[in-house]
Every structure is written in C-alpha cells, then in structure tokens.
Amino acid sequence: MQGIEPDLKRIRVNSIELAVFERGMPRPEEPTLLFVHATGFHARIWDRIIESFDGYHVLALVDAAAKSGAFARLLLLDPTIASPESYANPPPEYAAGGTHPGAKRKRLFASPDEMAERLSGKGAYHLFEPGILRDYCRHGLEKLASGEFQLLCLLEIEASVYMTARANGGVHDSARWIYR
C-alpha cells in the first residue's frame, strides 16, 4: 500500500455525508481496519500508520463506526476528552459568549512546508513523526488563486466543537462499553 493513493468515497450515514478514504479490498478472513481522526485533523493524517497494515482493508472516516454496527471492536483514542471532573468546572474560555483559542489560529500559509515548520514546536505537534506532520499540512490545505494555502478546516467550527465538548459530561459513559 505504500505510495498508493487511497480511493476517496462518500458515504451517507443517517443524514450525514462522510468522506472516506479506502485502501485495499474487504476479505472475509481479515478484519476491516477503521482509523478515525480528531476535530481539526483529516483522514490522511493516518497515511504513514496505515502503510504498516499492508494487505488489510482500511477505512479512514469520522464518527460512523459506533453507530453503524459494522465493527466488532473499536479502539478509540482522543486527547481532547478531559477527565470526568473537569466537565463540572470548564475553563473560562468555554463560558457562554467566549471564543475558543482555536478560532484564532493562523489560516493562511505560504506553503505546506511553512505550516509544518510553524507547527513543529507548538503544542502536541512536537510529538508528531515528521512525515505525519507533513501529511497533515499537505492534505489539510487548499491552494488559493493568490498562491497562498488556506486551512480546509473551518476554525470557527473546530472552536465550536471544543466550546461545546465540555458540556458533554456523558462522553465517558458513551465510551465505557469499550472496556467490557
């Protein structure tokens, strides 16, 4: 699977259309692997990891797995889920009318390389393997007529997800079935 571009497909789950990147073909003797991404990221951030599962049928999409019943097991990792007690006292920027810092991020870049250089030492990005960070930047931008590159993720939407996330104290209960 190395070097092979995945097939972009669009699927409808309930009333939501999802973009899904698919590699390989389903095989009855092997499980289909599903990779999901966090808010603000995109499915192509998994490219380098997926390369190590050569021969498997692999999908990268968001949020449909738990509802579809198509998967026997899920391993969900999300660094934005806070400790249960933090939902009782969210930080001040989450108060009504506040603006999450994510809405103020830089939107325009001279190139994907400039974005990668800018992010490489910030927050959790310093933990990214360099190839994964480059994939995030390369596939997360669109080139404008001006020659600049703009983030595809709308920062206001990403920020609104973080603003409302601390209102969902039940997130731990919804994921608890995984530990059975």
Protein backbone atom coordinates (compact mmCIF):
# COMPACT_ATOMS: atom_id res chain seq x y z
CA MET A 1 0.00 0.00 0.00
CA GLN A 2 2.98 2.31 0.26
CA GLY A 3 2.83 5.14 -2.24
CA ILE A 4 -0.64 4.18 -3.43
CA GLU A 5 -3.20 6.94 -3.11
CA PRO A 6 -6.37 5.84 -1.32
CA ASP A 7 -9.76 5.96 -3.05
CA LEU A 8 -11.94 8.83 -1.87
CA LYS A 9 -15.53 7.72 -1.44
CA ARG A 10 -18.55 9.47 0.01
CA ILE A 11 -20.99 7.53 2.13
CA ARG A 12 -24.22 8.58 3.79
CA VAL A 13 -24.81 7.60 7.40
CA ASN A 14 -28.25 8.69 8.52
CA SER A 15 -28.42 12.28 7.25
CA ILE A 16 -24.66 12.94 7.23
CA GLU A 17 -22.38 12.55 4.24
CA LEU A 18 -18.88 11.41 5.16
CA ALA A 19 -15.71 11.41 3.10
CA VAL A 20 -13.95 8.04 3.47
CA PHE A 21 -10.50 7.15 2.18
CA GLU A 22 -10.34 3.44 1.37
CA ARG A 23 -7.34 1.19 0.77
CA GLY A 24 -7.37 -2.47 -0.14
CA MET A 25 -10.34 -4.76 -0.62
CA PRO A 26 -12.51 -6.40 2.04
CA ARG A 27 -11.52 -10.00 2.73
CA PRO A 28 -13.73 -12.37 4.72
CA GLU A 29 -10.78 -13.86 6.60
CA GLU A 30 -9.37 -10.50 7.74
CA PRO A 31 -10.94 -7.62 9.68
CA THR A 32 -11.50 -4.22 8.11
CA LEU A 33 -9.45 -1.61 9.97
CA LEU A 34 -11.02 1.78 10.66
CA PHE A 35 -8.97 4.85 11.50
CA VAL A 36 -10.77 7.98 12.70
CA HIS A 37 -9.39 11.43 13.31
CA ALA A 38 -9.95 14.14 15.87
CA THR A 39 -11.52 17.53 15.30
CA GLY A 40 -9.35 19.77 13.13
CA PHE A 41 -7.50 16.86 11.57
CA HIS A 42 -8.32 14.79 8.49
CA ALA A 43 -8.23 11.15 7.46
CA ARG A 44 -4.92 11.47 5.59
CA ILE A 45 -3.09 12.06 8.87
CA TRP A 46 -3.15 8.24 9.21
CA ASP A 47 -1.34 7.55 5.90
CA ARG A 48 2.03 6.63 7.47
CA ILE A 49 0.43 4.40 10.11
CA ILE A 50 -1.85 2.65 7.59
CA GLU A 51 1.19 1.78 5.43
CA SER A 52 2.23 -0.71 8.10
CA PHE A 53 -1.05 -2.63 7.64
CA ASP A 54 -0.34 -3.67 4.07
CA GLY A 55 -2.86 -6.17 2.77
CA TYR A 56 -5.71 -5.13 5.06
CA HIS A 57 -8.90 -3.39 4.03
CA VAL A 58 -8.58 0.05 5.65
CA LEU A 59 -11.02 2.94 6.03
CA ALA A 60 -10.33 6.40 7.50
CA LEU A 61 -13.52 8.43 8.47
CA VAL A 62 -15.23 10.14 11.41
CA ASP A 63 -17.98 9.12 13.87
CA ALA A 64 -19.90 6.47 11.92
CA ALA A 65 -18.25 3.41 13.44
CA ALA A 66 -20.09 3.18 16.74
CA LYS A 67 -23.48 3.80 15.17
CA SER A 68 -23.19 1.52 12.15
CA GLY A 69 -22.59 -1.78 13.95
CA ALA A 70 -20.13 -2.70 11.20
CA PHE A 71 -17.16 -3.24 13.52
CA ALA A 72 -16.64 -5.96 16.10
CA ARG A 73 -14.19 -3.88 18.18
CA LEU A 74 -13.11 -0.27 18.36
CA LEU A 75 -10.05 1.27 19.98
CA LEU A 76 -10.79 4.97 20.41
CA LEU A 77 -8.09 7.45 21.34
CA ASP A 78 -8.97 11.10 21.78
CA PRO A 79 -6.66 13.52 23.59
CA THR A 80 -9.42 16.14 23.79
CA ILE A 81 -11.58 14.13 26.17
CA ALA A 82 -10.88 15.60 29.58
CA SER A 83 -11.08 13.96 32.99
CA PRO A 84 -14.64 13.42 34.26
CA GLU A 85 -14.32 16.06 36.99
CA SER A 86 -13.27 18.78 34.52
CA TYR A 87 -16.76 18.84 33.00
CA ALA A 88 -18.16 20.33 36.22
CA ASN A 89 -15.82 23.36 36.07
CA PRO A 90 -14.91 24.19 32.47
CA PRO A 91 -12.22 26.83 31.84
CA PRO A 92 -13.39 30.47 31.41
CA GLU A 93 -12.93 30.44 27.62
CA TYR A 94 -15.72 27.84 27.48
CA ALA A 95 -18.23 30.16 29.11
CA ALA A 96 -21.19 31.39 27.06
CA GLY A 97 -20.09 34.05 24.62
CA GLY A 98 -16.40 33.18 24.92
CA THR A 99 -14.13 32.45 22.00
CA HIS A 100 -12.01 29.34 21.99
CA PRO A 101 -8.36 29.96 21.07
CA GLY A 102 -8.75 27.53 18.14
CA ALA A 103 -10.82 30.13 16.28
CA LYS A 104 -7.84 32.49 16.31
CA ARG A 105 -5.33 30.14 14.68
CA LYS A 106 -3.45 31.13 11.55
CA ARG A 107 -5.47 30.30 8.42
CA LEU A 108 -3.16 31.24 5.55
CA PHE A 109 0.30 29.88 4.80
CA ALA A 110 2.84 30.38 2.01
CA SER A 111 3.16 26.59 1.66
CA PRO A 112 2.51 23.29 3.44
CA ASP A 113 6.19 23.36 4.48
CA GLU A 114 5.71 26.76 6.15
CA MET A 115 2.73 25.37 8.07
CA ALA A 116 4.73 22.32 9.18
CA GLU A 117 7.64 24.50 10.28
CA ARG A 118 5.31 26.81 12.21
CA LEU A 119 3.55 23.92 13.99
CA SER A 120 6.53 21.63 14.64
CA GLY A 121 7.40 23.15 18.01
CA LYS A 122 3.89 24.03 19.21
CA GLY A 123 1.55 22.11 21.48
CA ALA A 124 1.38 18.39 20.79
CA TYR A 125 2.72 18.85 17.25
CA HIS A 126 6.27 18.41 18.55
CA LEU A 127 5.30 14.78 19.21
CA PHE A 128 4.31 14.12 15.58
CA GLU A 129 6.61 12.00 13.45
CA PRO A 130 7.81 14.47 10.77
CA GLY A 131 6.16 12.55 7.90
CA ILE A 132 2.79 12.57 9.68
CA LEU A 133 3.06 16.32 10.29
CA ARG A 134 3.88 16.85 6.59
CA ASP A 135 0.83 14.75 5.59
CA TYR A 136 -1.37 16.79 7.94
CA CYS A 137 -0.14 20.02 6.35
CA ARG A 138 -0.13 18.78 2.74
CA HIS A 139 -3.67 17.38 2.82
CA GLY A 140 -5.12 19.95 5.23
CA LEU A 141 -4.61 22.96 2.97
CA GLU A 142 -6.03 24.13 -0.33
CA LYS A 143 -4.15 26.37 -2.73
CA LEU A 144 -5.91 29.65 -3.44
CA ALA A 145 -5.78 31.65 -6.67
CA SER A 146 -3.48 34.10 -4.84
CA GLY A 147 -0.90 31.30 -4.43
CA GLU A 148 -1.39 31.15 -0.65
CA PHE A 149 -2.58 28.00 1.09
CA GLN A 150 -5.66 28.06 3.33
CA LEU A 151 -6.72 25.61 6.03
CA LEU A 152 -9.57 23.40 4.84
CA CYS A 153 -10.91 23.02 8.39
CA LEU A 154 -13.11 25.97 9.28
CA LEU A 155 -11.62 27.27 12.52
CA GLU A 156 -14.97 28.54 13.80
CA ILE A 157 -16.46 25.05 13.52
CA GLU A 158 -13.46 23.44 15.18
CA ALA A 159 -13.61 26.00 18.00
CA SER A 160 -17.35 25.44 18.46
CA VAL A 161 -16.73 21.71 18.90
CA TYR A 162 -14.23 22.43 21.66
CA MET A 163 -16.54 25.03 23.21
CA THR A 164 -19.43 22.56 23.45
CA ALA A 165 -17.31 19.49 24.25
CA ARG A 166 -17.04 20.36 27.94
CA ALA A 167 -20.84 20.44 28.08
CA ASN A 168 -20.90 16.71 27.28
CA GLY A 169 -20.16 15.20 30.68
CA GLY A 170 -21.62 11.92 29.41
CA VAL A 171 -18.78 11.32 26.95
CA HIS A 172 -17.15 8.86 29.35
CA ASP A 173 -20.39 6.88 29.72
CA SER A 174 -20.81 6.67 25.95
CA ALA A 175 -17.33 5.19 25.53
CA ARG A 176 -17.45 2.89 28.58
CA TRP A 177 -18.84 -0.07 26.57
CA ILE A 178 -15.41 -0.44 25.03
CA TYR A 179 -13.97 -1.67 28.32
CA ARG A 180 -16.36 -4.61 28.68
